[in-house]
Amino acid sequence: RRMRVLRRMLRKYREAKKIDKHMYHELYLQCKGNRFKTKRNLMETIHVRKSERAREKAIAEQAEARKAKAAAARARKAAARTAASNEKN
């Protein structure tokens, strides 16, 4: 009975777009393997994983912004160096 409850909950979360199909599949297999004792445990796991994914995404975006900023700075410095060398000649 518990497994049916957990699977139904996973199905509802997937249909409501709260979890994607990849997370659904992972959690479905874990439910099958008796990892979750209650709905609350499953819900907590979903919230933790979603927050981890959001945090990782934010960190990746920050790293990308940092890389873009550094590339722009390199380009500016290179342009300034070529301008300075052209003035000397």
PDB file of N, CA and C in Angstrom:
ATOM      1  N   ARG A   1       0.827  -1.192   0.000  1.00  0.00           N
ATOM      2  CA  ARG A   1       0.000   0.000   0.000  1.00  0.00           C
ATOM      3  C   ARG A   1       0.868   1.251   0.000  1.00  0.00           C
ATOM      4  N   ARG A   2       1.931   1.265   0.782  1.00  0.00           N
ATOM      5  CA  ARG A   2       2.796   2.440   0.868  1.00  0.00           C
ATOM      6  C   ARG A   2       3.412   2.748  -0.489  1.00  0.00           C
ATOM      7  N   MET A   3       3.829   1.721  -1.199  1.00  0.00           N
ATOM      8  CA  MET A   3       4.458   1.936  -2.502  1.00  0.00           C
ATOM      9  C   MET A   3       3.482   2.594  -3.469  1.00  0.00           C
ATOM     10  N   ARG A   4       2.220   2.186  -3.420  1.00  0.00           N
ATOM     11  CA  ARG A   4       1.223   2.813  -4.297  1.00  0.00           C
ATOM     12  C   ARG A   4       1.075   4.286  -3.969  1.00  0.00           C
ATOM     13  N   VAL A   5       1.070   4.604  -2.679  1.00  0.00           N
ATOM     14  CA  VAL A   5       0.933   5.999  -2.253  1.00  0.00           C
ATOM     15  C   VAL A   5       2.107   6.832  -2.769  1.00  0.00           C
ATOM     16  N   LEU A   6       3.311   6.302  -2.601  1.00  0.00           N
ATOM     17  CA  LEU A   6       4.498   7.040  -3.034  1.00  0.00           C
ATOM     18  C   LEU A   6       4.530   7.209  -4.546  1.00  0.00           C
ATOM     19  N   ARG A   7       4.171   6.162  -5.268  1.00  0.00           N
ATOM     20  CA  ARG A   7       4.160   6.260  -6.731  1.00  0.00           C
ATOM     21  C   ARG A   7       3.101   7.232  -7.210  1.00  0.00           C
ATOM     22  N   ARG A   8       1.955   7.242  -6.555  1.00  0.00           N
ATOM     23  CA  ARG A   8       0.898   8.187  -6.927  1.00  0.00           C
ATOM     24  C   ARG A   8       1.376   9.620  -6.701  1.00  0.00           C
ATOM     25  N   MET A   9       2.075   9.824  -5.582  1.00  0.00           N
ATOM     26  CA  MET A   9       2.584  11.155  -5.280  1.00  0.00           C
ATOM     27  C   MET A   9       3.617  11.590  -6.330  1.00  0.00           C
ATOM     28  N   LEU A  10       4.497  10.677  -6.699  1.00  0.00           N
ATOM     29  CA  LEU A  10       5.482  10.993  -7.732  1.00  0.00           C
ATOM     30  C   LEU A  10       4.798  11.355  -9.045  1.00  0.00           C
ATOM     31  N   ARG A  11       3.765  10.592  -9.390  1.00  0.00           N
ATOM     32  CA  ARG A  11       3.033  10.851 -10.626  1.00  0.00           C
ATOM     33  C   ARG A  11       2.417  12.249 -10.600  1.00  0.00           C
ATOM     34  N   LYS A  12       1.805  12.611  -9.465  1.00  0.00           N
ATOM     35  CA  LYS A  12       1.182  13.933  -9.346  1.00  0.00           C
ATOM     36  C   LYS A  12       2.225  15.040  -9.455  1.00  0.00           C
ATOM     37  N   TYR A  13       3.375  14.856  -8.821  1.00  0.00           N
ATOM     38  CA  TYR A  13       4.432  15.858  -8.888  1.00  0.00           C
ATOM     39  C   TYR A  13       4.939  16.016 -10.323  1.00  0.00           C
ATOM     40  N   ARG A  14       5.068  14.901 -11.034  1.00  0.00           N
ATOM     41  CA  ARG A  14       5.549  14.970 -12.414  1.00  0.00           C
ATOM     42  C   ARG A  14       4.529  15.681 -13.295  1.00  0.00           C
ATOM     43  N   GLU A  15       3.257  15.358 -13.128  1.00  0.00           N
ATOM     44  CA  GLU A  15       2.219  15.984 -13.945  1.00  0.00           C
ATOM     45  C   GLU A  15       2.080  17.466 -13.633  1.00  0.00           C
ATOM     46  N   ALA A  16       2.363  17.849 -12.387  1.00  0.00           N
ATOM     47  CA  ALA A  16       2.291  19.255 -12.001  1.00  0.00           C
ATOM     48  C   ALA A  16       3.580  19.998 -12.342  1.00  0.00           C
ATOM     49  N   LYS A  17       4.519  19.303 -12.987  1.00  0.00           N
ATOM     50  CA  LYS A  17       5.811  19.878 -13.398  1.00  0.00           C
ATOM     51  C   LYS A  17       6.663  20.305 -12.207  1.00  0.00           C
ATOM     52  N   LYS A  18       6.423  19.710 -11.047  1.00  0.00           N
ATOM     53  CA  LYS A  18       7.271  20.005  -9.892  1.00  0.00           C
ATOM     54  C   LYS A  18       8.593  19.263  -9.980  1.00  0.00           C
ATOM     55  N   ILE A  19       8.583  18.104 -10.656  1.00  0.00           N
ATOM     56  CA  ILE A  19       9.813  17.363 -10.898  1.00  0.00           C
ATOM     57  C   ILE A  19       9.855  16.989 -12.373  1.00  0.00           C
ATOM     58  N   ASP A  20      11.059  16.870 -12.923  1.00  0.00           N
ATOM     59  CA  ASP A  20      11.173  16.479 -14.325  1.00  0.00           C
ATOM     60  C   ASP A  20      11.224  14.958 -14.435  1.00  0.00           C
ATOM     61  N   LYS A  21      11.249  14.479 -15.660  1.00  0.00           N
ATOM     62  CA  LYS A  21      11.152  13.033 -15.860  1.00  0.00           C
ATOM     63  C   LYS A  21      12.380  12.298 -15.350  1.00  0.00           C
ATOM     64  N   HIS A  22      13.528  12.955 -15.336  1.00  0.00           N
ATOM     65  CA  HIS A  22      14.740  12.300 -14.851  1.00  0.00           C
ATOM     66  C   HIS A  22      14.680  12.090 -13.330  1.00  0.00           C
ATOM     67  N   MET A  23      14.288  13.141 -12.625  1.00  0.00           N
ATOM     68  CA  MET A  23      14.168  13.022 -11.178  1.00  0.00           C
ATOM     69  C   MET A  23      13.051  12.025 -10.834  1.00  0.00           C
ATOM     70  N   TYR A  24      11.983  12.042 -11.611  1.00  0.00           N
ATOM     71  CA  TYR A  24      10.896  11.101 -11.386  1.00  0.00           C
ATOM     72  C   TYR A  24      11.409   9.670 -11.475  1.00  0.00           C
ATOM     73  N   HIS A  25      12.183   9.388 -12.506  1.00  0.00           N
ATOM     74  CA  HIS A  25      12.675   8.029 -12.703  1.00  0.00           C
ATOM     75  C   HIS A  25      13.589   7.591 -11.553  1.00  0.00           C
ATOM     76  N   GLU A  26      14.497   8.481 -11.146  1.00  0.00           N
ATOM     77  CA  GLU A  26      15.392   8.155 -10.033  1.00  0.00           C
ATOM     78  C   GLU A  26      14.597   7.869  -8.759  1.00  0.00           C
ATOM     79  N   LEU A  27      13.653   8.740  -8.453  1.00  0.00           N
ATOM     80  CA  LEU A  27      12.880   8.576  -7.220  1.00  0.00           C
ATOM     81  C   LEU A  27      11.953   7.370  -7.301  1.00  0.00           C
ATOM     82  N   TYR A  28      11.438   7.085  -8.491  1.00  0.00           N
ATOM     83  CA  TYR A  28      10.581   5.911  -8.662  1.00  0.00           C
ATOM     84  C   TYR A  28      11.352   4.638  -8.318  1.00  0.00           C
ATOM     85  N   LEU A  29      12.582   4.549  -8.834  1.00  0.00           N
ATOM     86  CA  LEU A  29      13.394   3.372  -8.550  1.00  0.00           C
ATOM     87  C   LEU A  29      13.757   3.289  -7.067  1.00  0.00           C
ATOM     88  N   GLN A  30      13.983   4.439  -6.446  1.00  0.00           N
ATOM     89  CA  GLN A  30      14.290   4.424  -5.015  1.00  0.00           C
ATOM     90  C   GLN A  30      13.069   4.006  -4.202  1.00  0.00           C
ATOM     91  N   CYS A  31      11.883   4.420  -4.634  1.00  0.00           N
ATOM     92  CA  CYS A  31      10.655   3.970  -3.968  1.00  0.00           C
ATOM     93  C   CYS A  31      10.534   2.456  -4.088  1.00  0.00           C
ATOM     94  N   LYS A  32      10.842   1.972  -5.272  1.00  0.00           N
ATOM     95  CA  LYS A  32      10.770   0.535  -5.502  1.00  0.00           C
ATOM     96  C   LYS A  32      11.762  -0.197  -4.598  1.00  0.00           C
ATOM     97  N   GLY A  33      12.908   0.415  -4.359  1.00  0.00           N
ATOM     98  CA  GLY A  33      13.939  -0.191  -3.525  1.00  0.00           C
ATOM     99  C   GLY A  33      13.720   0.040  -2.040  1.00  0.00           C
ATOM    100  N   ASN A  34      12.550   0.557  -1.658  1.00  0.00           N
ATOM    101  CA  ASN A  34      12.177   0.724  -0.258  1.00  0.00           C
ATOM    102  C   ASN A  34      13.028   1.772   0.459  1.00  0.00           C
ATOM    103  N   ARG A  35      13.399   2.823  -0.240  1.00  0.00           N
ATOM    104  CA  ARG A  35      14.239   3.864   0.357  1.00  0.00           C
ATOM    105  C   ARG A  35      13.417   4.817   1.222  1.00  0.00           C
ATOM    106  N   PHE A  36      12.168   5.051   0.850  1.00  0.00           N
ATOM    107  CA  PHE A  36      11.337   6.023   1.560  1.00  0.00           C
ATOM    108  C   PHE A  36      10.296   5.303   2.403  1.00  0.00           C
ATOM    109  N   LYS A  37      10.242   5.675   3.666  1.00  0.00           N
ATOM    110  CA  LYS A  37       9.302   5.024   4.568  1.00  0.00           C
ATOM    111  C   LYS A  37       7.940   5.726   4.537  1.00  0.00           C
ATOM    112  N   THR A  38       7.968   7.058   4.323  1.00  0.00           N
ATOM    113  CA  THR A  38       6.726   7.828   4.344  1.00  0.00           C
ATOM    114  C   THR A  38       6.696   8.834   3.193  1.00  0.00           C
ATOM    115  N   LYS A  39       5.513   9.404   2.970  1.00  0.00           N
ATOM    116  CA  LYS A  39       5.380  10.465   1.966  1.00  0.00           C
ATOM    117  C   LYS A  39       6.215  11.674   2.360  1.00  0.00           C
ATOM    118  N   ARG A  40       6.262  11.933   3.650  1.00  0.00           N
ATOM    119  CA  ARG A  40       7.024  13.091   4.122  1.00  0.00           C
ATOM    120  C   ARG A  40       8.501  12.954   3.763  1.00  0.00           C
ATOM    121  N   ASN A  41       9.057  11.750   3.947  1.00  0.00           N
ATOM    122  CA  ASN A  41      10.456  11.522   3.586  1.00  0.00           C
ATOM    123  C   ASN A  41      10.679  11.787   2.106  1.00  0.00           C
ATOM    124  N   LEU A  42       9.764  11.307   1.295  1.00  0.00           N
ATOM    125  CA  LEU A  42       9.878  11.507  -0.147  1.00  0.00           C
ATOM    126  C   LEU A  42       9.783  12.988  -0.492  1.00  0.00           C
ATOM    127  N   MET A  43       8.847  13.687   0.121  1.00  0.00           N
ATOM    128  CA  MET A  43       8.693  15.123  -0.132  1.00  0.00           C
ATOM    129  C   MET A  43       9.946  15.893   0.268  1.00  0.00           C
ATOM    130  N   GLU A  44      10.506  15.565   1.425  1.00  0.00           N
ATOM    131  CA  GLU A  44      11.723  16.247   1.877  1.00  0.00           C
ATOM    132  C   GLU A  44      12.865  16.010   0.901  1.00  0.00           C
ATOM    133  N   THR A  45      12.989  14.790   0.418  1.00  0.00           N
ATOM    134  CA  THR A  45      14.039  14.480  -0.549  1.00  0.00           C
ATOM    135  C   THR A  45      13.856  15.285  -1.825  1.00  0.00           C
ATOM    136  N   ILE A  46      12.620  15.406  -2.277  1.00  0.00           N
ATOM    137  CA  ILE A  46      12.347  16.183  -3.491  1.00  0.00           C
ATOM    138  C   ILE A  46      12.745  17.639  -3.281  1.00  0.00           C
ATOM    139  N   HIS A  47      12.368  18.215  -2.138  1.00  0.00           N
ATOM    140  CA  HIS A  47      12.695  19.619  -1.878  1.00  0.00           C
ATOM    141  C   HIS A  47      14.200  19.828  -1.790  1.00  0.00           C
ATOM    142  N   VAL A  48      14.881  18.901  -1.137  1.00  0.00           N
ATOM    143  CA  VAL A  48      16.341  19.025  -1.009  1.00  0.00           C
ATOM    144  C   VAL A  48      16.998  18.959  -2.383  1.00  0.00           C
ATOM    145  N   ARG A  49      16.578  18.014  -3.202  1.00  0.00           N
ATOM    146  CA  ARG A  49      17.188  17.870  -4.527  1.00  0.00           C
ATOM    147  C   ARG A  49      16.897  19.072  -5.413  1.00  0.00           C
ATOM    148  N   LYS A  50      15.674  19.603  -5.323  1.00  0.00           N
ATOM    149  CA  LYS A  50      15.350  20.781  -6.126  1.00  0.00           C
ATOM    150  C   LYS A  50      16.190  21.979  -5.694  1.00  0.00           C
ATOM    151  N   SER A  51      16.368  22.139  -4.380  1.00  0.00           N
ATOM    152  CA  SER A  51      17.171  23.263  -3.903  1.00  0.00           C
ATOM    153  C   SER A  51      18.635  23.094  -4.285  1.00  0.00           C
ATOM    154  N   GLU A  52      19.144  21.858  -4.240  1.00  0.00           N
ATOM    155  CA  GLU A  52      20.519  21.604  -4.670  1.00  0.00           C
ATOM    156  C   GLU A  52      20.689  21.947  -6.144  1.00  0.00           C
ATOM    157  N   ARG A  53      19.734  21.521  -6.947  1.00  0.00           N
ATOM    158  CA  ARG A  53      19.814  21.784  -8.384  1.00  0.00           C
ATOM    159  C   ARG A  53      19.776  23.291  -8.659  1.00  0.00           C
ATOM    160  N   ALA A  54      18.920  24.015  -7.940  1.00  0.00           N
ATOM    161  CA  ALA A  54      18.825  25.463  -8.127  1.00  0.00           C
ATOM    162  C   ALA A  54      20.126  26.144  -7.702  1.00  0.00           C
ATOM    163  N   ARG A  55      20.701  25.669  -6.601  1.00  0.00           N
ATOM    164  CA  ARG A  55      21.955  26.253  -6.121  1.00  0.00           C
ATOM    165  C   ARG A  55      23.079  25.995  -7.120  1.00  0.00           C
ATOM    166  N   GLU A  56      23.167  24.780  -7.646  1.00  0.00           N
ATOM    167  CA  GLU A  56      24.197  24.462  -8.631  1.00  0.00           C
ATOM    168  C   GLU A  56      24.029  25.290  -9.899  1.00  0.00           C
ATOM    169  N   LYS A  57      22.776  25.496 -10.290  1.00  0.00           N
ATOM    170  CA  LYS A  57      22.516  26.293 -11.489  1.00  0.00           C
ATOM    171  C   LYS A  57      22.956  27.743 -11.280  1.00  0.00           C
ATOM    172  N   ALA A  58      22.667  28.284 -10.090  1.00  0.00           N
ATOM    173  CA  ALA A  58      23.071  29.658  -9.790  1.00  0.00           C
ATOM    174  C   ALA A  58      24.591  29.787  -9.771  1.00  0.00           C
ATOM    175  N   ILE A  59      25.258  28.805  -9.197  1.00  0.00           N
ATOM    176  CA  ILE A  59      26.722  28.837  -9.152  1.00  0.00           C
ATOM    177  C   ILE A  59      27.296  28.771 -10.561  1.00  0.00           C
ATOM    178  N   ALA A  60      26.722  27.934 -11.405  1.00  0.00           N
ATOM    179  CA  ALA A  60      27.196  27.815 -12.785  1.00  0.00           C
ATOM    180  C   ALA A  60      26.995  29.134 -13.536  1.00  0.00           C
ATOM    181  N   GLU A  61      25.868  29.784 -13.319  1.00  0.00           N
ATOM    182  CA  GLU A  61      25.624  31.069 -13.984  1.00  0.00           C
ATOM    183  C   GLU A  61      26.614  32.125 -13.512  1.00  0.00           C
ATOM    184  N   GLN A  62      26.912  32.122 -12.212  1.00  0.00           N
ATOM    185  CA  GLN A  62      27.888  33.077 -11.692  1.00  0.00           C
ATOM    186  C   GLN A  62      29.269  32.829 -12.282  1.00  0.00           C
ATOM    187  N   ALA A  63      29.650  31.563 -12.398  1.00  0.00           N
ATOM    188  CA  ALA A  63      30.952  31.224 -12.977  1.00  0.00           C
ATOM    189  C   ALA A  63      31.011  31.666 -14.435  1.00  0.00           C
ATOM    190  N   GLU A  64      29.923  31.451 -15.161  1.00  0.00           N
ATOM    191  CA  GLU A  64      29.868  31.860 -16.572  1.00  0.00           C
ATOM    192  C   GLU A  64      30.003  33.377 -16.689  1.00  0.00           C
ATOM    193  N   ALA A  65      29.326  34.112 -15.804  1.00  0.00           N
ATOM    194  CA  ALA A  65      29.415  35.572 -15.825  1.00  0.00           C
ATOM    195  C   ALA A  65      30.846  36.023 -15.520  1.00  0.00           C
ATOM    196  N   ARG A  66      31.482  35.339 -14.557  1.00  0.00           N
ATOM    197  CA  ARG A  66      32.862  35.671 -14.203  1.00  0.00           C
ATOM    198  C   ARG A  66      33.788  35.433 -15.389  1.00  0.00           C
ATOM    199  N   LYS A  67      33.589  34.327 -16.101  1.00  0.00           N
ATOM    200  CA  LYS A  67      34.425  34.020 -17.266  1.00  0.00           C
ATOM    201  C   LYS A  67      34.230  35.059 -18.361  1.00  0.00           C
ATOM    202  N   ALA A  68      32.986  35.463 -18.588  1.00  0.00           N
ATOM    203  CA  ALA A  68      32.701  36.466 -19.620  1.00  0.00           C
ATOM    204  C   ALA A  68      33.340  37.805 -19.261  1.00  0.00           C
ATOM    205  N   LYS A  69      33.278  38.160 -17.989  1.00  0.00           N
ATOM    206  CA  LYS A  69      33.863  39.420 -17.532  1.00  0.00           C
ATOM    207  C   LYS A  69      35.380  39.396 -17.705  1.00  0.00           C
ATOM    208  N   ALA A  70      35.996  38.268 -17.377  1.00  0.00           N
ATOM    209  CA  ALA A  70      37.448  38.139 -17.526  1.00  0.00           C
ATOM    210  C   ALA A  70      37.851  38.197 -18.995  1.00  0.00           C
ATOM    211  N   ALA A  71      37.071  37.570 -19.862  1.00  0.00           N
ATOM    212  CA  ALA A  71      37.374  37.597 -21.298  1.00  0.00           C
ATOM    213  C   ALA A  71      37.265  39.017 -21.836  1.00  0.00           C
ATOM    214  N   ALA A  72      36.266  39.755 -21.387  1.00  0.00           N
ATOM    215  CA  ALA A  72      36.111  41.142 -21.824  1.00  0.00           C
ATOM    216  C   ALA A  72      37.289  41.984 -21.346  1.00  0.00           C
ATOM    217  N   ALA A  73      37.729  41.753 -20.118  1.00  0.00           N
ATOM    218  CA  ALA A  73      38.872  42.505 -19.583  1.00  0.00           C
ATOM    219  C   ALA A  73      40.134  42.191 -20.383  1.00  0.00           C
ATOM    220  N   ARG A  74      40.321  40.906 -20.729  1.00  0.00           N
ATOM    221  CA  ARG A  74      41.488  40.522 -21.541  1.00  0.00           C
ATOM    222  C   ARG A  74      41.452  41.225 -22.890  1.00  0.00           C
ATOM    223  N   ALA A  75      40.280  41.269 -23.483  1.00  0.00           N
ATOM    224  CA  ALA A  75      40.149  41.919 -24.791  1.00  0.00           C
ATOM    225  C   ALA A  75      40.445  43.413 -24.687  1.00  0.00           C
ATOM    226  N   ARG A  76      39.959  44.055 -23.636  1.00  0.00           N
ATOM    227  CA  ARG A  76      40.229  45.489 -23.445  1.00  0.00           C
ATOM    228  C   ARG A  76      41.726  45.743 -23.278  1.00  0.00           C
ATOM    229  N   LYS A  77      42.383  44.905 -22.470  1.00  0.00           N
ATOM    230  CA  LYS A  77      43.825  45.076 -22.251  1.00  0.00           C
ATOM    231  C   LYS A  77      44.606  44.875 -23.535  1.00  0.00           C
ATOM    232  N   ALA A  78      44.212  43.875 -24.319  1.00  0.00           N
ATOM    233  CA  ALA A  78      44.892  43.628 -25.585  1.00  0.00           C
ATOM    234  C   ALA A  78      44.704  44.812 -26.523  1.00  0.00           C
ATOM    235  N   ALA A  79      43.503  45.354 -26.558  1.00  0.00           N
ATOM    236  CA  ALA A  79      43.238  46.509 -27.412  1.00  0.00           C
ATOM    237  C   ALA A  79      44.053  47.713 -26.949  1.00  0.00           C
ATOM    238  N   ALA A  80      44.169  47.891 -25.647  1.00  0.00           N
ATOM    239  CA  ALA A  80      44.946  49.014 -25.121  1.00  0.00           C
ATOM    240  C   ALA A  80      46.419  48.827 -25.456  1.00  0.00           C
ATOM    241  N   ARG A  81      46.926  47.595 -25.372  1.00  0.00           N
ATOM    242  CA  ARG A  81      48.333  47.333 -25.705  1.00  0.00           C
ATOM    243  C   ARG A  81      48.610  47.623 -27.181  1.00  0.00           C
ATOM    244  N   THR A  82      47.717  47.189 -28.041  1.00  0.00           N
ATOM    245  CA  THR A  82      47.947  47.453 -29.479  1.00  0.00           C
ATOM    246  C   THR A  82      47.865  48.951 -29.772  1.00  0.00           C
ATOM    247  N   ALA A  83      46.956  49.652 -29.085  1.00  0.00           N
ATOM    248  CA  ALA A  83      46.853  51.104 -29.292  1.00  0.00           C
ATOM    249  C   ALA A  83      48.123  51.790 -28.799  1.00  0.00           C
ATOM    250  N   ALA A  84      48.660  51.355 -27.666  1.00  0.00           N
ATOM    251  CA  ALA A  84      49.875  51.954 -27.113  1.00  0.00           C
ATOM    252  C   ALA A  84      51.060  51.678 -28.028  1.00  0.00           C
ATOM    253  N   SER A  85      51.155  50.485 -28.584  1.00  0.00           N
ATOM    254  CA  SER A  85      52.283  50.166 -29.466  1.00  0.00           C
ATOM    255  C   SER A  85      52.158  50.930 -30.789  1.00  0.00           C
ATOM    256  N   ASN A  86      50.936  51.193 -31.235  1.00  0.00           N
ATOM    257  CA  ASN A  86      50.742  51.974 -32.472  1.00  0.00           C
ATOM    258  C   ASN A  86      51.139  53.431 -32.263  1.00  0.00           C
ATOM    259  N   GLU A  87      50.922  53.973 -31.065  1.00  0.00           N
ATOM    260  CA  GLU A  87      51.288  55.365 -30.773  1.00  0.00           C
ATOM    261  C   GLU A  87      52.805  55.533 -30.752  1.00  0.00           C
ATOM    262  N   LYS A  88      53.522  54.505 -30.266  1.00  0.00           N
ATOM    263  CA  LYS A  88      54.981  54.575 -30.207  1.00  0.00           C
ATOM    264  C   LYS A  88      55.573  54.625 -31.607  1.00  0.00           C
ATOM    265  N   ASN A  89      54.968  53.925 -32.529  1.00  0.00           N
ATOM    266  CA  ASN A  89      55.499  53.864 -33.904  1.00  0.00           C
ATOM    267  C   ASN A  89      55.039  55.055 -34.656  1.00  0.00           C
TER     268      ASN A  89
END
